[in-house]
Amino acid sequence: MSGTIDGVVPFADPTDDVMTETEQAVAAHLAAAGELARAAAVETADGEAEQVGEAVAVRAEDVPEAATHYFAAAKPGYRGWYWAVTVAGPEGDVNVSEVVLLPGPESVVAPTWVPWSDRVRAEDLGPGDLLPVEEGDERLVPAHAALDPDDEEAAEDAEPGAGVREVGDELGMGRPRVMSREGRLDAAVRWSDGHFGPRADMARAATAHCGTCGFYLPVAGSLRAAFGVCGNGNVPADGHVVHAEYGCGGHSELQVDSGSVIAVADLVYDDGVEMEPETTGSRR
């Protein structure tokens, strides 16, 4: 078995009689220490001998003069586990080194441990919950150090009459920290791969894209060229960040033929034939 605090990896079935190329033969005096190993397992099981089942295997360890005896575990809740008792020492002086319970290949073990920061999902945050960022989060940098070349260009293109505060707000100034380049790239990838990205089913079927739609509100900063917010209250994307290459059936410039869906034959006027009423008789 191998494992760390992050999880436990079940070891190979000890009942497998196939030896690997690197596996050593068990010394005779260590193989004969089965009763010593069983007694140690029973002692670890609080003296309850019924929790230590039949001997299933004995394997040599990587170090000289050491071997491990395996017994089926009859402990409640440990189906498929084994008692592993390692014995070591020269002939005539064999001692127990350790006794542990190990999971077998069919054992039920806890799922791999996932750090708290990786377990939390966006939908887990509810009203009143707090989710502080970790110290040194690479998605954030001090505002004074975050000026991107694209942001500098935006500042140069600002109207001469624009106030300093408005330009600063556009660039993210006035806040202790803003998103770093890595953070923005991460967001861009996440948004592009989301439900409102250029490869979404809705976008593939659209006849026009958001970048040319009147309801498209571009975001500020370096992501302006690729992303905006949908302002069309009649479509599912309303209020969401959408990619400029996303699209749906609610494009502002969409024009649909409003003619009848039922085929109507053209009217035919035949003016070349004069119609006269038929007379059935003469008046007297």
Foldseek 3Di string as FASTA:
>chain_A
DDDDPQDADADEDQLDPDDDPLFDDDDPLQVVCVVVQLVVQCVVVVNPSVQWAAWRHKGADPDPFKIWTWTQGPDPPWPQKIWIWMWGDDRPDIDTDDIDIGHHPPTDDDPGHDDPVVPDDPVVDDPPDDDDDDPPPLQKDALVPACDPQLVVVLVPDDPPDDPVVSCVLSPPPDRMDTHPVNVVVVVVVQLPDCQHCPHPQLVPAPAFQLPAPQWAAHGDPCRQFWTQGCDPVDPRHGHIHTRSGHHPPGRPDDDDPDDPDDDDDDDDDPPDDDDDDDDDDDD
